[in-house]
Amino acid sequence: MTRKGLLAEVLSKARHYDNCENYRVGYRDYEQILEVSLSEFLDLSENFEKIPAGRIYFVKRNGLYLYQSQNYMKLLSSLSEHEQ
């Protein structure tokens, strides 16, 4: 499934102990970041076969970020530098 760590823990808890519709997943799809519900992501990724966990940039629950990848943080940082 996913590498052990924060992401795996968040996804496991969301899938088994909570409503997946409360969670939003942001993942890289070519040159854009798409945001979908966790249940939709699991369907699209076919349980991480088509979309590996390494392409997940963030996981939110009711608008609160539970996980952010280092790549996503770098992307946000570079975008804020370009706006200045």
Protein backbone atom coordinates (compact mmCIF):
# COMPACT_ATOMS: atom_id res chain seq x y z
CA MET A 1 0.00 0.00 0.00
CA THR A 2 1.82 3.15 1.18
CA ARG A 3 5.13 3.68 2.92
CA LYS A 4 4.82 3.57 6.68
CA GLY A 5 4.65 6.97 8.29
CA LEU A 6 2.30 9.85 8.80
CA LEU A 7 0.59 9.49 5.42
CA ALA A 8 -0.08 5.78 5.94
CA GLU A 9 -1.43 6.44 9.42
CA VAL A 10 -3.77 9.22 8.26
CA LEU A 11 -5.10 7.16 5.35
CA SER A 12 -5.56 4.06 7.49
CA LYS A 13 -7.52 5.93 10.16
CA ALA A 14 -9.63 7.67 7.53
CA ARG A 15 -10.49 4.44 5.74
CA HIS A 16 -11.22 2.28 8.75
CA TYR A 17 -12.44 4.57 11.53
CA ASP A 18 -14.03 7.60 9.87
CA ASN A 19 -16.12 8.69 6.90
CA CYS A 20 -13.89 8.91 3.80
CA GLU A 21 -16.05 11.73 2.45
CA ASN A 22 -14.72 14.01 5.22
CA TYR A 23 -11.23 13.75 3.71
CA ARG A 24 -9.81 15.49 0.64
CA VAL A 25 -6.65 14.32 -1.14
CA GLY A 26 -4.50 16.56 -3.30
CA TYR A 27 -2.30 14.71 -5.76
CA ARG A 28 -0.09 15.54 -8.72
CA ASP A 29 -1.55 14.72 -12.11
CA TYR A 30 0.94 15.77 -14.78
CA GLU A 31 1.53 19.50 -14.21
CA GLN A 32 -1.45 20.20 -11.96
CA ILE A 33 -2.64 19.35 -8.47
CA LEU A 34 -6.08 17.77 -8.35
CA GLU A 35 -8.18 17.62 -5.18
CA VAL A 36 -10.77 14.86 -4.71
CA SER A 37 -12.44 13.04 -1.84
CA LEU A 38 -10.52 10.14 -0.33
CA SER A 39 -13.06 7.61 -1.56
CA GLU A 40 -12.80 9.01 -5.10
CA PHE A 41 -9.00 8.94 -4.89
CA LEU A 42 -9.04 5.29 -3.81
CA ASP A 43 -11.27 4.44 -6.77
CA LEU A 44 -9.15 6.42 -9.25
CA SER A 45 -5.87 5.05 -7.94
CA GLU A 46 -7.17 1.48 -7.76
CA ASN A 47 -5.75 1.17 -4.24
CA PHE A 48 -2.49 2.97 -5.16
CA GLU A 49 -1.83 0.89 -8.29
CA LYS A 50 -2.37 3.71 -10.83
CA ILE A 51 -1.54 6.67 -8.60
CA PRO A 52 1.26 5.91 -6.13
CA ALA A 53 1.30 7.40 -2.65
CA GLY A 54 4.37 9.44 -3.61
CA ARG A 55 2.17 11.68 -5.77
CA ILE A 56 -0.04 12.70 -2.84
CA TYR A 57 0.69 16.29 -1.85
CA PHE A 58 -1.79 16.71 0.99
CA VAL A 59 -4.65 15.18 2.93
CA LYS A 60 -7.26 17.41 4.59
CA ARG A 61 -10.13 16.59 6.93
CA ASN A 62 -12.88 19.19 7.05
CA GLY A 63 -10.45 21.82 5.75
CA LEU A 64 -7.65 21.06 8.24
CA TYR A 65 -4.39 19.76 6.78
CA LEU A 66 -3.45 16.42 8.35
CA TYR A 67 -0.59 15.68 5.95
CA GLN A 68 1.53 17.80 3.60
CA SER A 69 4.42 16.39 1.61
CA GLN A 70 7.77 18.15 1.47
CA ASN A 71 7.28 18.65 -2.29
CA TYR A 72 4.00 20.46 -1.66
CA MET A 73 5.62 22.71 0.94
CA LYS A 74 8.41 23.56 -1.54
CA LEU A 75 5.84 24.28 -4.25
CA LEU A 76 3.91 26.64 -1.97
CA SER A 77 7.13 28.35 -0.96
CA SER A 78 8.22 28.90 -4.56
CA LEU A 79 4.78 30.22 -5.52
CA SER A 80 4.81 32.75 -2.69
CA GLU A 81 8.30 33.92 -3.77
CA HIS A 82 7.06 34.51 -7.33
CA GLU A 83 4.12 36.61 -6.08
CA GLN A 84 6.41 39.05 -4.31
